[in-house]
């Protein structure tokens, strides 16, 4: 019964890519311009500032499906670093250290590295 849904896999992949990219961009805008409301605004020339740039630029590339694989690779790496540097030191358990989103972003973007952008992308083959 569910086998018939496989024809929509490219569109479902695109929806995953687009939603993850929008959320990723929002994390970057929160860091760099304080929108949506942020508790702090790090200097641009800092690790948090670099993370914000990666999240905005990489997120935009992933959103439109342009250079999705390399952008997703960099974004996945950033999220792995963010988890181990910012979250894991307080607790190894994501539910206790607030690193749930970092882990999910990391593995969604890692999946995009291998799966590609799906439908509705600038680089569609």
PDB file of N, CA and C in Angstrom:
ATOM      1  N   UNK A   1       0.816  -1.193   0.000  1.00  0.00           N
ATOM      2  CA  UNK A   1       0.000   0.000   0.000  1.00  0.00           C
ATOM      3  C   UNK A   1       0.866   1.267   0.000  1.00  0.00           C
ATOM      4  N   UNK A   2       1.899   1.305   0.862  1.00  0.00           N
ATOM      5  CA  UNK A   2       2.738   2.494   0.951  1.00  0.00           C
ATOM      6  C   UNK A   2       3.781   2.558  -0.158  1.00  0.00           C
ATOM      7  N   UNK A   3       3.950   1.460  -0.901  1.00  0.00           N
ATOM      8  CA  UNK A   3       4.916   1.456  -1.999  1.00  0.00           C
ATOM      9  C   UNK A   3       4.585   2.506  -3.049  1.00  0.00           C
ATOM     10  N   UNK A   4       3.322   2.805  -3.205  1.00  0.00           N
ATOM     11  CA  UNK A   4       2.915   3.801  -4.197  1.00  0.00           C
ATOM     12  C   UNK A   4       3.399   5.199  -3.843  1.00  0.00           C
ATOM     13  N   UNK A   5       3.727   5.424  -2.581  1.00  0.00           N
ATOM     14  CA  UNK A   5       4.201   6.741  -2.153  1.00  0.00           C
ATOM     15  C   UNK A   5       5.641   7.002  -2.592  1.00  0.00           C
ATOM     16  N   UNK A   6       6.354   5.973  -3.001  1.00  0.00           N
ATOM     17  CA  UNK A   6       7.755   6.124  -3.403  1.00  0.00           C
ATOM     18  C   UNK A   6       7.928   7.090  -4.568  1.00  0.00           C
ATOM     19  N   UNK A   7       6.910   7.228  -5.391  1.00  0.00           N
ATOM     20  CA  UNK A   7       7.029   8.153  -6.525  1.00  0.00           C
ATOM     21  C   UNK A   7       7.168   9.598  -6.052  1.00  0.00           C
ATOM     22  N   UNK A   8       6.779   9.865  -4.819  1.00  0.00           N
ATOM     23  CA  UNK A   8       6.873  11.222  -4.268  1.00  0.00           C
ATOM     24  C   UNK A   8       8.138  11.444  -3.440  1.00  0.00           C
ATOM     25  N   UNK A   9       9.066  10.492  -3.463  1.00  0.00           N
ATOM     26  CA  UNK A   9      10.296  10.609  -2.670  1.00  0.00           C
ATOM     27  C   UNK A   9      11.099  11.868  -3.006  1.00  0.00           C
ATOM     28  N   UNK A  10      11.270  12.234  -4.287  1.00  0.00           N
ATOM     29  CA  UNK A  10      12.029  13.461  -4.578  1.00  0.00           C
ATOM     30  C   UNK A  10      11.368  14.722  -4.001  1.00  0.00           C
ATOM     31  N   UNK A  11      10.047  14.766  -4.027  1.00  0.00           N
ATOM     32  CA  UNK A  11       9.348  15.924  -3.474  1.00  0.00           C
ATOM     33  C   UNK A  11       9.431  15.938  -1.945  1.00  0.00           C
ATOM     34  N   UNK A  12       9.337  14.763  -1.322  1.00  0.00           N
ATOM     35  CA  UNK A  12       9.452  14.681   0.134  1.00  0.00           C
ATOM     36  C   UNK A  12      10.857  15.084   0.574  1.00  0.00           C
ATOM     37  N   UNK A  13      11.868  14.680  -0.183  1.00  0.00           N
ATOM     38  CA  UNK A  13      13.238  15.078   0.108  1.00  0.00           C
ATOM     39  C   UNK A  13      13.389  16.595  -0.008  1.00  0.00           C
ATOM     40  N   UNK A  14      12.780  17.180  -1.016  1.00  0.00           N
ATOM     41  CA  UNK A  14      12.839  18.634  -1.193  1.00  0.00           C
ATOM     42  C   UNK A  14      12.166  19.355  -0.030  1.00  0.00           C
ATOM     43  N   UNK A  15      11.038  18.845   0.434  1.00  0.00           N
ATOM     44  CA  UNK A  15      10.352  19.459   1.579  1.00  0.00           C
ATOM     45  C   UNK A  15      11.247  19.390   2.816  1.00  0.00           C
ATOM     46  N   UNK A  16      11.880  18.246   3.049  1.00  0.00           N
ATOM     47  CA  UNK A  16      12.813  18.108   4.172  1.00  0.00           C
ATOM     48  C   UNK A  16      13.949  19.120   4.036  1.00  0.00           C
ATOM     49  N   UNK A  17      14.518  19.231   2.840  1.00  0.00           N
ATOM     50  CA  UNK A  17      15.609  20.170   2.584  1.00  0.00           C
ATOM     51  C   UNK A  17      15.181  21.604   2.842  1.00  0.00           C
ATOM     52  N   UNK A  18      14.028  21.994   2.354  1.00  0.00           N
ATOM     53  CA  UNK A  18      13.542  23.365   2.481  1.00  0.00           C
ATOM     54  C   UNK A  18      13.222  23.720   3.927  1.00  0.00           C
ATOM     55  N   UNK A  19      12.524  22.850   4.622  1.00  0.00           N
ATOM     56  CA  UNK A  19      12.158  23.129   6.021  1.00  0.00           C
ATOM     57  C   UNK A  19      13.409  23.184   6.899  1.00  0.00           C
ATOM     58  N   UNK A  20      14.322  22.231   6.721  1.00  0.00           N
ATOM     59  CA  UNK A  20      15.556  22.236   7.515  1.00  0.00           C
ATOM     60  C   UNK A  20      16.366  23.507   7.223  1.00  0.00           C
ATOM     61  N   UNK A  21      16.419  23.921   5.968  1.00  0.00           N
ATOM     62  CA  UNK A  21      17.177  25.126   5.605  1.00  0.00           C
ATOM     63  C   UNK A  21      16.574  26.375   6.232  1.00  0.00           C
ATOM     64  N   UNK A  22      15.260  26.495   6.218  1.00  0.00           N
ATOM     65  CA  UNK A  22      14.606  27.664   6.819  1.00  0.00           C
ATOM     66  C   UNK A  22      14.918  27.729   8.312  1.00  0.00           C
ATOM     67  N   UNK A  23      14.807  26.617   8.993  1.00  0.00           N
ATOM     68  CA  UNK A  23      15.116  26.589  10.430  1.00  0.00           C
ATOM     69  C   UNK A  23      16.588  26.902  10.682  1.00  0.00           C
ATOM     70  N   UNK A  24      17.463  26.413   9.826  1.00  0.00           N
ATOM     71  CA  UNK A  24      18.891  26.658   9.953  1.00  0.00           C
ATOM     72  C   UNK A  24      19.195  28.148   9.753  1.00  0.00           C
ATOM     73  N   UNK A  25      18.574  28.743   8.746  1.00  0.00           N
ATOM     74  CA  UNK A  25      18.749  30.175   8.487  1.00  0.00           C
ATOM     75  C   UNK A  25      18.302  30.987   9.703  1.00  0.00           C
ATOM     76  N   UNK A  26      17.192  30.603  10.305  1.00  0.00           N
ATOM     77  CA  UNK A  26      16.705  31.327  11.487  1.00  0.00           C
ATOM     78  C   UNK A  26      17.696  31.269  12.642  1.00  0.00           C
ATOM     79  N   UNK A  27      18.408  30.153  12.781  1.00  0.00           N
ATOM     80  CA  UNK A  27      19.446  30.075  13.815  1.00  0.00           C
ATOM     81  C   UNK A  27      20.563  31.069  13.515  1.00  0.00           C
ATOM     82  N   UNK A  28      20.893  31.225  12.240  1.00  0.00           N
ATOM     83  CA  UNK A  28      21.939  32.166  11.846  1.00  0.00           C
ATOM     84  C   UNK A  28      21.509  33.617  12.029  1.00  0.00           C
ATOM     85  N   UNK A  29      20.281  33.942  11.627  1.00  0.00           N
ATOM     86  CA  UNK A  29      19.820  35.320  11.789  1.00  0.00           C
ATOM     87  C   UNK A  29      19.681  35.677  13.263  1.00  0.00           C
ATOM     88  N   UNK A  30      19.344  34.698  14.071  1.00  0.00           N
ATOM     89  CA  UNK A  30      19.255  34.941  15.506  1.00  0.00           C
ATOM     90  C   UNK A  30      20.627  35.324  16.063  1.00  0.00           C
ATOM     91  N   UNK A  31      21.674  34.657  15.582  1.00  0.00           N
ATOM     92  CA  UNK A  31      23.026  34.953  16.053  1.00  0.00           C
ATOM     93  C   UNK A  31      23.522  36.306  15.541  1.00  0.00           C
ATOM     94  N   UNK A  32      23.288  36.594  14.264  1.00  0.00           N
ATOM     95  CA  UNK A  32      23.915  37.763  13.656  1.00  0.00           C
ATOM     96  C   UNK A  32      23.095  39.045  13.733  1.00  0.00           C
ATOM     97  N   UNK A  33      21.783  38.945  13.639  1.00  0.00           N
ATOM     98  CA  UNK A  33      20.986  40.175  13.665  1.00  0.00           C
ATOM     99  C   UNK A  33      19.943  40.192  14.777  1.00  0.00           C
ATOM    100  N   UNK A  34      19.946  39.176  15.614  1.00  0.00           N
ATOM    101  CA  UNK A  34      19.023  39.147  16.750  1.00  0.00           C
ATOM    102  C   UNK A  34      17.576  38.897  16.387  1.00  0.00           C
ATOM    103  N   UNK A  35      17.337  38.309  15.210  1.00  0.00           N
ATOM    104  CA  UNK A  35      15.965  37.984  14.812  1.00  0.00           C
ATOM    105  C   UNK A  35      15.862  36.508  14.483  1.00  0.00           C
ATOM    106  N   UNK A  36      14.882  35.805  15.003  1.00  0.00           N
ATOM    107  CA  UNK A  36      13.974  36.232  16.065  1.00  0.00           C
ATOM    108  C   UNK A  36      14.744  36.495  17.359  1.00  0.00           C
ATOM    109  N   UNK A  37      14.086  37.131  18.289  1.00  0.00           N
ATOM    110  CA  UNK A  37      14.728  37.632  19.510  1.00  0.00           C
ATOM    111  C   UNK A  37      15.775  36.666  20.050  1.00  0.00           C
ATOM    112  N   UNK A  38      16.958  37.223  20.328  1.00  0.00           N
ATOM    113  CA  UNK A  38      18.071  36.415  20.837  1.00  0.00           C
ATOM    114  C   UNK A  38      18.550  36.981  22.161  1.00  0.00           C
ATOM    115  N   UNK A  39      19.113  36.110  22.979  1.00  0.00           N
ATOM    116  CA  UNK A  39      19.642  36.530  24.277  1.00  0.00           C
ATOM    117  C   UNK A  39      20.996  37.236  24.131  1.00  0.00           C
ATOM    118  N   UNK A  40      21.707  36.962  23.051  1.00  0.00           N
ATOM    119  CA  UNK A  40      23.020  37.583  22.871  1.00  0.00           C
ATOM    120  C   UNK A  40      23.273  37.795  21.391  1.00  0.00           C
ATOM    121  N   UNK A  41      24.181  38.704  21.095  1.00  0.00           N
ATOM    122  CA  UNK A  41      24.577  38.968  19.720  1.00  0.00           C
ATOM    123  C   UNK A  41      26.102  38.903  19.659  1.00  0.00           C
ATOM    124  N   UNK A  42      26.640  37.786  19.205  1.00  0.00           N
ATOM    125  CA  UNK A  42      28.093  37.619  19.222  1.00  0.00           C
ATOM    126  C   UNK A  42      28.773  38.492  18.158  1.00  0.00           C
ATOM    127  N   UNK A  43      30.033  38.821  18.373  1.00  0.00           N
ATOM    128  CA  UNK A  43      30.767  39.557  17.338  1.00  0.00           C
ATOM    129  C   UNK A  43      30.920  38.694  16.084  1.00  0.00           C
ATOM    130  N   UNK A  44      30.913  39.350  14.944  1.00  0.00           N
ATOM    131  CA  UNK A  44      31.016  38.625  13.671  1.00  0.00           C
ATOM    132  C   UNK A  44      32.317  37.825  13.600  1.00  0.00           C
ATOM    133  N   UNK A  45      33.392  38.384  14.109  1.00  0.00           N
ATOM    134  CA  UNK A  45      34.686  37.697  14.063  1.00  0.00           C
ATOM    135  C   UNK A  45      34.894  36.838  15.315  1.00  0.00           C
ATOM    136  N   UNK A  46      34.011  35.891  15.510  1.00  0.00           N
ATOM    137  CA  UNK A  46      34.101  34.937  16.610  1.00  0.00           C
ATOM    138  C   UNK A  46      33.597  33.600  16.103  1.00  0.00           C
ATOM    139  N   UNK A  47      33.729  32.557  16.908  1.00  0.00           N
ATOM    140  CA  UNK A  47      33.205  31.251  16.488  1.00  0.00           C
ATOM    141  C   UNK A  47      31.698  31.300  16.286  1.00  0.00           C
ATOM    142  N   UNK A  48      30.995  32.007  17.177  1.00  0.00           N
ATOM    143  CA  UNK A  48      29.546  32.127  17.023  1.00  0.00           C
ATOM    144  C   UNK A  48      29.195  32.949  15.786  1.00  0.00           C
ATOM    145  N   UNK A  49      29.981  33.979  15.510  1.00  0.00           N
ATOM    146  CA  UNK A  49      29.757  34.778  14.309  1.00  0.00           C
ATOM    147  C   UNK A  49      29.970  33.955  13.052  1.00  0.00           C
ATOM    148  N   UNK A  50      31.032  33.158  13.045  1.00  0.00           N
ATOM    149  CA  UNK A  50      31.293  32.259  11.916  1.00  0.00           C
ATOM    150  C   UNK A  50      30.155  31.253  11.765  1.00  0.00           C
ATOM    151  N   UNK A  51      29.685  30.726  12.890  1.00  0.00           N
ATOM    152  CA  UNK A  51      28.563  29.786  12.846  1.00  0.00           C
ATOM    153  C   UNK A  51      27.328  30.459  12.234  1.00  0.00           C
ATOM    154  N   UNK A  52      27.076  31.702  12.631  1.00  0.00           N
ATOM    155  CA  UNK A  52      25.943  32.434  12.067  1.00  0.00           C
ATOM    156  C   UNK A  52      26.064  32.621  10.568  1.00  0.00           C
ATOM    157  N   UNK A  53      27.273  32.945  10.097  1.00  0.00           N
ATOM    158  CA  UNK A  53      27.496  33.089   8.654  1.00  0.00           C
ATOM    159  C   UNK A  53      27.272  31.769   7.921  1.00  0.00           C
ATOM    160  N   UNK A  54      27.810  30.681   8.473  1.00  0.00           N
ATOM    161  CA  UNK A  54      27.604  29.363   7.856  1.00  0.00           C
ATOM    162  C   UNK A  54      26.122  29.035   7.816  1.00  0.00           C
ATOM    163  N   UNK A  55      25.406  29.345   8.884  1.00  0.00           N
ATOM    164  CA  UNK A  55      23.987  29.017   8.947  1.00  0.00           C
ATOM    165  C   UNK A  55      23.171  29.834   7.954  1.00  0.00           C
ATOM    166  N   UNK A  56      23.516  31.093   7.759  1.00  0.00           N
ATOM    167  CA  UNK A  56      22.758  31.913   6.808  1.00  0.00           C
ATOM    168  C   UNK A  56      23.133  31.574   5.369  1.00  0.00           C
ATOM    169  N   UNK A  57      24.426  31.615   5.052  1.00  0.00           N
ATOM    170  CA  UNK A  57      24.854  31.362   3.668  1.00  0.00           C
ATOM    171  C   UNK A  57      24.591  29.906   3.278  1.00  0.00           C
ATOM    172  N   UNK A  58      25.023  28.979   4.131  1.00  0.00           N
ATOM    173  CA  UNK A  58      24.775  27.563   3.844  1.00  0.00           C
ATOM    174  C   UNK A  58      23.297  27.245   3.792  1.00  0.00           C
ATOM    175  N   UNK A  59      22.541  27.836   4.710  1.00  0.00           N
ATOM    176  CA  UNK A  59      21.092  27.621   4.725  1.00  0.00           C
ATOM    177  C   UNK A  59      20.426  28.114   3.454  1.00  0.00           C
ATOM    178  N   UNK A  60      20.855  29.286   2.962  1.00  0.00           N
ATOM    179  CA  UNK A  60      20.287  29.808   1.710  1.00  0.00           C
ATOM    180  C   UNK A  60      20.626  28.907   0.526  1.00  0.00           C
ATOM    181  N   UNK A  61      21.875  28.429   0.480  1.00  0.00           N
ATOM    182  CA  UNK A  61      22.263  27.515  -0.609  1.00  0.00           C
ATOM    183  C   UNK A  61      21.440  26.229  -0.556  1.00  0.00           C
ATOM    184  N   UNK A  62      21.282  25.687   0.633  1.00  0.00           N
ATOM    185  CA  UNK A  62      20.497  24.462   0.792  1.00  0.00           C
ATOM    186  C   UNK A  62      19.027  24.731   0.471  1.00  0.00           C
ATOM    187  N   UNK A  63      18.520  25.862   0.892  1.00  0.00           N
ATOM    188  CA  UNK A  63      17.115  26.224   0.649  1.00  0.00           C
ATOM    189  C   UNK A  63      16.774  26.186  -0.835  1.00  0.00           C
ATOM    190  N   UNK A  64      17.609  26.823  -1.659  1.00  0.00           N
ATOM    191  CA  UNK A  64      17.306  26.879  -3.089  1.00  0.00           C
ATOM    192  C   UNK A  64      17.843  25.674  -3.855  1.00  0.00           C
ATOM    193  N   UNK A  65      18.631  24.837  -3.188  1.00  0.00           N
ATOM    194  CA  UNK A  65      19.157  23.647  -3.846  1.00  0.00           C
ATOM    195  C   UNK A  65      20.315  23.955  -4.771  1.00  0.00           C
ATOM    196  N   UNK A  66      21.172  24.890  -4.381  1.00  0.00           N
ATOM    197  CA  UNK A  66      22.335  25.268  -5.176  1.00  0.00           C
ATOM    198  C   UNK A  66      23.579  24.852  -4.404  1.00  0.00           C
ATOM    199  N   UNK A  67      24.420  24.003  -5.009  1.00  0.00           N
ATOM    200  CA  UNK A  67      25.570  23.425  -4.307  1.00  0.00           C
ATOM    201  C   UNK A  67      25.132  22.783  -2.990  1.00  0.00           C
ATOM    202  N   UNK A  68      24.024  22.055  -3.048  1.00  0.00           N
ATOM    203  CA  UNK A  68      23.442  21.465  -1.850  1.00  0.00           C
ATOM    204  C   UNK A  68      24.399  20.524  -1.145  1.00  0.00           C
ATOM    205  N   UNK A  69      25.048  19.650  -1.876  1.00  0.00           N
ATOM    206  CA  UNK A  69      25.909  18.654  -1.232  1.00  0.00           C
ATOM    207  C   UNK A  69      27.079  19.293  -0.473  1.00  0.00           C
ATOM    208  N   UNK A  70      27.869  20.191  -1.093  1.00  0.00           N
ATOM    209  CA  UNK A  70      28.958  20.796  -0.320  1.00  0.00           C
ATOM    210  C   UNK A  70      28.453  21.689   0.816  1.00  0.00           C
ATOM    211  N   UNK A  71      27.371  22.424   0.584  1.00  0.00           N
ATOM    212  CA  UNK A  71      26.818  23.277   1.644  1.00  0.00           C
ATOM    213  C   UNK A  71      26.314  22.430   2.801  1.00  0.00           C
ATOM    214  N   UNK A  72      25.663  21.319   2.497  1.00  0.00           N
ATOM    215  CA  UNK A  72      25.154  20.429   3.541  1.00  0.00           C
ATOM    216  C   UNK A  72      26.304  19.760   4.291  1.00  0.00           C
ATOM    217  N   UNK A  73      27.386  19.445   3.594  1.00  0.00           N
ATOM    218  CA  UNK A  73      28.557  18.855   4.240  1.00  0.00           C
ATOM    219  C   UNK A  73      29.148  19.816   5.271  1.00  0.00           C
ATOM    220  N   UNK A  74      29.295  21.077   4.889  1.00  0.00           N
ATOM    221  CA  UNK A  74      29.830  22.092   5.805  1.00  0.00           C
ATOM    222  C   UNK A  74      28.866  22.316   6.964  1.00  0.00           C
ATOM    223  N   UNK A  75      27.572  22.385   6.656  1.00  0.00           N
ATOM    224  CA  UNK A  75      26.562  22.592   7.709  1.00  0.00           C
ATOM    225  C   UNK A  75      26.534  21.419   8.687  1.00  0.00           C
ATOM    226  N   UNK A  76      26.640  20.201   8.182  1.00  0.00           N
ATOM    227  CA  UNK A  76      26.667  19.026   9.063  1.00  0.00           C
ATOM    228  C   UNK A  76      27.896  19.070   9.963  1.00  0.00           C
ATOM    229  N   UNK A  77      29.022  19.440   9.396  1.00  0.00           N
ATOM    230  CA  UNK A  77      30.238  19.559  10.190  1.00  0.00           C
ATOM    231  C   UNK A  77      30.116  20.631  11.258  1.00  0.00           C
ATOM    232  N   UNK A  78      29.528  21.759  10.900  1.00  0.00           N
ATOM    233  CA  UNK A  78      29.324  22.820  11.883  1.00  0.00           C
ATOM    234  C   UNK A  78      28.454  22.330  13.033  1.00  0.00           C
ATOM    235  N   UNK A  79      27.419  21.589  12.722  1.00  0.00           N
ATOM    236  CA  UNK A  79      26.520  21.102  13.774  1.00  0.00           C
ATOM    237  C   UNK A  79      27.198  20.052  14.652  1.00  0.00           C
ATOM    238  N   UNK A  80      28.062  19.233  14.071  1.00  0.00           N
ATOM    239  CA  UNK A  80      28.812  18.268  14.884  1.00  0.00           C
ATOM    240  C   UNK A  80      29.740  19.004  15.846  1.00  0.00           C
ATOM    241  N   UNK A  81      30.439  20.006  15.328  1.00  0.00           N
ATOM    242  CA  UNK A  81      31.326  20.809  16.180  1.00  0.00           C
ATOM    243  C   UNK A  81      30.515  21.527  17.252  1.00  0.00           C
ATOM    244  N   UNK A  82      29.380  22.099  16.874  1.00  0.00           N
ATOM    245  CA  UNK A  82      28.536  22.816  17.837  1.00  0.00           C
ATOM    246  C   UNK A  82      28.089  21.886  18.958  1.00  0.00           C
ATOM    247  N   UNK A  83      27.709  20.668  18.591  1.00  0.00           N
ATOM    248  CA  UNK A  83      27.274  19.736  19.631  1.00  0.00           C
ATOM    249  C   UNK A  83      28.405  19.425  20.601  1.00  0.00           C
ATOM    250  N   UNK A  84      29.565  19.051  20.072  1.00  0.00           N
ATOM    251  CA  UNK A  84      30.661  18.621  20.943  1.00  0.00           C
ATOM    252  C   UNK A  84      31.303  19.785  21.698  1.00  0.00           C
ATOM    253  N   UNK A  85      31.264  20.996  21.134  1.00  0.00           N
ATOM    254  CA  UNK A  85      31.867  22.135  21.835  1.00  0.00           C
ATOM    255  C   UNK A  85      30.904  22.816  22.804  1.00  0.00           C
ATOM    256  N   UNK A  86      29.658  22.974  22.397  1.00  0.00           N
ATOM    257  CA  UNK A  86      28.720  23.786  23.183  1.00  0.00           C
ATOM    258  C   UNK A  86      27.761  22.975  24.047  1.00  0.00           C
ATOM    259  N   UNK A  87      27.413  21.773  23.611  1.00  0.00           N
ATOM    260  CA  UNK A  87      26.375  21.025  24.322  1.00  0.00           C
ATOM    261  C   UNK A  87      26.920  19.868  25.153  1.00  0.00           C
ATOM    262  N   UNK A  88      27.751  19.044  24.558  1.00  0.00           N
ATOM    263  CA  UNK A  88      28.230  17.833  25.234  1.00  0.00           C
ATOM    264  C   UNK A  88      28.986  18.089  26.540  1.00  0.00           C
ATOM    265  N   UNK A  89      29.740  19.182  26.666  1.00  0.00           N
ATOM    266  CA  UNK A  89      30.459  19.371  27.932  1.00  0.00           C
ATOM    267  C   UNK A  89      29.552  19.450  29.168  1.00  0.00           C
ATOM    268  N   UNK A  90      28.310  19.924  28.999  1.00  0.00           N
ATOM    269  CA  UNK A  90      27.429  20.021  30.171  1.00  0.00           C
ATOM    270  C   UNK A  90      26.764  18.689  30.505  1.00  0.00           C
ATOM    271  N   UNK A  91      26.539  17.855  29.512  1.00  0.00           N
ATOM    272  CA  UNK A  91      25.959  16.528  29.709  1.00  0.00           C
ATOM    273  C   UNK A  91      26.073  15.780  28.391  1.00  0.00           C
ATOM    274  N   UNK A  92      26.274  14.496  28.452  1.00  0.00           N
ATOM    275  CA  UNK A  92      26.378  13.723  27.224  1.00  0.00           C
ATOM    276  C   UNK A  92      25.009  13.435  26.600  1.00  0.00           C
ATOM    277  N   UNK A  93      23.953  13.627  27.365  1.00  0.00           N
ATOM    278  CA  UNK A  93      22.611  13.309  26.888  1.00  0.00           C
ATOM    279  C   UNK A  93      21.954  14.525  26.246  1.00  0.00           C
ATOM    280  N   UNK A  94      21.585  14.427  24.971  1.00  0.00           N
ATOM    281  CA  UNK A  94      20.999  15.575  24.273  1.00  0.00           C
ATOM    282  C   UNK A  94      19.747  16.145  24.945  1.00  0.00           C
ATOM    283  N   UNK A  95      18.960  15.296  25.567  1.00  0.00           N
ATOM    284  CA  UNK A  95      17.755  15.792  26.231  1.00  0.00           C
ATOM    285  C   UNK A  95      18.096  16.656  27.443  1.00  0.00           C
ATOM    286  N   UNK A  96      19.297  16.500  27.978  1.00  0.00           N
ATOM    287  CA  UNK A  96      19.727  17.285  29.133  1.00  0.00           C
ATOM    288  C   UNK A  96      20.590  18.491  28.759  1.00  0.00           C
ATOM    289  N   UNK A  97      21.245  18.444  27.602  1.00  0.00           N
ATOM    290  CA  UNK A  97      22.182  19.515  27.267  1.00  0.00           C
ATOM    291  C   UNK A  97      21.692  20.469  26.186  1.00  0.00           C
ATOM    292  N   UNK A  98      20.481  20.285  25.687  1.00  0.00           N
ATOM    293  CA  UNK A  98      19.920  21.182  24.671  1.00  0.00           C
ATOM    294  C   UNK A  98      20.482  20.975  23.277  1.00  0.00           C
ATOM    295  N   UNK A  99      21.147  19.859  23.042  1.00  0.00           N
ATOM    296  CA  UNK A  99      21.767  19.620  21.749  1.00  0.00           C
ATOM    297  C   UNK A  99      20.935  18.826  20.761  1.00  0.00           C
ATOM    298  N   UNK A 100      19.653  18.628  21.060  1.00  0.00           N
ATOM    299  CA  UNK A 100      18.788  17.839  20.166  1.00  0.00           C
ATOM    300  C   UNK A 100      18.800  18.391  18.741  1.00  0.00           C
ATOM    301  N   UNK A 101      18.609  19.705  18.621  1.00  0.00           N
ATOM    302  CA  UNK A 101      18.535  20.324  17.290  1.00  0.00           C
ATOM    303  C   UNK A 101      19.863  20.176  16.550  1.00  0.00           C
ATOM    304  N   UNK A 102      20.970  20.341  17.252  1.00  0.00           N
ATOM    305  CA  UNK A 102      22.276  20.216  16.601  1.00  0.00           C
ATOM    306  C   UNK A 102      22.459  18.809  16.021  1.00  0.00           C
ATOM    307  N   UNK A 103      22.065  17.800  16.776  1.00  0.00           N
ATOM    308  CA  UNK A 103      22.194  16.420  16.285  1.00  0.00           C
ATOM    309  C   UNK A 103      21.276  16.192  15.083  1.00  0.00           C
ATOM    310  N   UNK A 104      20.033  16.640  15.176  1.00  0.00           N
ATOM    311  CA  UNK A 104      19.109  16.455  14.056  1.00  0.00           C
ATOM    312  C   UNK A 104      19.587  17.185  12.810  1.00  0.00           C
ATOM    313  N   UNK A 105      20.006  18.457  12.963  1.00  0.00           N
ATOM    314  CA  UNK A 105      20.535  19.192  11.819  1.00  0.00           C
ATOM    315  C   UNK A 105      21.731  18.450  11.222  1.00  0.00           C
ATOM    316  N   UNK A 106      22.633  17.989  12.060  1.00  0.00           N
ATOM    317  CA  UNK A 106      23.820  17.291  11.588  1.00  0.00           C
ATOM    318  C   UNK A 106      23.448  16.103  10.700  1.00  0.00           C
ATOM    319  N   UNK A 107      22.529  15.285  11.159  1.00  0.00           N
ATOM    320  CA  UNK A 107      22.210  14.078  10.403  1.00  0.00           C
ATOM    321  C   UNK A 107      21.277  14.334   9.214  1.00  0.00           C
ATOM    322  N   UNK A 108      20.421  15.328   9.297  1.00  0.00           N
ATOM    323  CA  UNK A 108      19.615  15.696   8.128  1.00  0.00           C
ATOM    324  C   UNK A 108      20.533  16.214   7.026  1.00  0.00           C
ATOM    325  N   UNK A 109      21.473  17.090   7.390  1.00  0.00           N
ATOM    326  CA  UNK A 109      22.391  17.622   6.390  1.00  0.00           C
ATOM    327  C   UNK A 109      23.340  16.550   5.877  1.00  0.00           C
ATOM    328  N   UNK A 110      23.760  15.646   6.735  1.00  0.00           N
ATOM    329  CA  UNK A 110      24.597  14.534   6.283  1.00  0.00           C
ATOM    330  C   UNK A 110      23.823  13.671   5.279  1.00  0.00           C
ATOM    331  N   UNK A 111      22.548  13.463   5.524  1.00  0.00           N
ATOM    332  CA  UNK A 111      21.715  12.725   4.570  1.00  0.00           C
ATOM    333  C   UNK A 111      21.656  13.456   3.225  1.00  0.00           C
ATOM    334  N   UNK A 112      21.522  14.788   3.258  1.00  0.00           N
ATOM    335  CA  UNK A 112      21.465  15.561   2.013  1.00  0.00           C
ATOM    336  C   UNK A 112      22.766  15.464   1.222  1.00  0.00           C
ATOM    337  N   UNK A 113      23.886  15.295   1.911  1.00  0.00           N
ATOM    338  CA  UNK A 113      25.167  15.122   1.216  1.00  0.00           C
ATOM    339  C   UNK A 113      25.088  13.912   0.296  1.00  0.00           C
ATOM    340  N   UNK A 114      24.468  12.845   0.772  1.00  0.00           N
ATOM    341  CA  UNK A 114      24.395  11.607  -0.014  1.00  0.00           C
ATOM    342  C   UNK A 114      23.176  11.546  -0.928  1.00  0.00           C
ATOM    343  N   UNK A 115      22.051  12.119  -0.496  1.00  0.00           N
ATOM    344  CA  UNK A 115      20.815  12.015  -1.268  1.00  0.00           C
ATOM    345  C   UNK A 115      20.685  13.105  -2.331  1.00  0.00           C
ATOM    346  N   UNK A 116      21.363  14.227  -2.128  1.00  0.00           N
ATOM    347  CA  UNK A 116      21.214  15.345  -3.052  1.00  0.00           C
ATOM    348  C   UNK A 116      20.008  16.186  -2.670  1.00  0.00           C
ATOM    349  N   UNK A 117      19.684  17.173  -3.502  1.00  0.00           N
ATOM    350  CA  UNK A 117      18.648  18.136  -3.129  1.00  0.00           C
ATOM    351  C   UNK A 117      17.196  17.679  -3.333  1.00  0.00           C
ATOM    352  N   UNK A 118      16.990  16.660  -4.128  1.00  0.00           N
ATOM    353  CA  UNK A 118      15.616  16.259  -4.423  1.00  0.00           C
ATOM    354  C   UNK A 118      15.019  17.164  -5.491  1.00  0.00           C
ATOM    355  N   UNK A 119      13.705  17.211  -5.536  1.00  0.00           N
ATOM    356  CA  UNK A 119      12.995  18.033  -6.525  1.00  0.00           C
ATOM    357  C   UNK A 119      13.107  19.506  -6.146  1.00  0.00           C
ATOM    358  N   UNK A 120      12.677  20.351  -7.044  1.00  0.00           N
ATOM    359  CA  UNK A 120      12.556  21.800  -6.808  1.00  0.00           C
ATOM    360  C   UNK A 120      13.864  22.437  -6.364  1.00  0.00           C
ATOM    361  N   UNK A 121      14.929  22.146  -7.073  1.00  0.00           N
ATOM    362  CA  UNK A 121      16.214  22.738  -6.725  1.00  0.00           C
ATOM    363  C   UNK A 121      16.830  23.416  -7.956  1.00  0.00           C
ATOM    364  N   UNK A 122      17.677  24.394  -7.720  1.00  0.00           N
ATOM    365  CA  UNK A 122      18.339  25.097  -8.792  1.00  0.00           C
ATOM    366  C   UNK A 122      19.248  24.148  -9.575  1.00  0.00           C
ATOM    367  N   UNK A 123      19.914  23.253  -8.876  1.00  0.00           N
ATOM    368  CA  UNK A 123      20.840  22.300  -9.510  1.00  0.00           C
ATOM    369  C   UNK A 123      20.181  20.995  -9.932  1.00  0.00           C
ATOM    370  N   UNK A 124      18.873  20.976 -10.116  1.00  0.00           N
ATOM    371  CA  UNK A 124      18.204  19.727 -10.462  1.00  0.00           C
ATOM    372  C   UNK A 124      18.778  19.154 -11.746  1.00  0.00           C
ATOM    373  N   UNK A 125      19.061  17.859 -11.710  1.00  0.00           N
ATOM    374  CA  UNK A 125      19.651  17.185 -12.879  1.00  0.00           C
ATOM    375  C   UNK A 125      18.629  16.948 -13.937  1.00  0.00           C
TER     376      UNK A 125
END
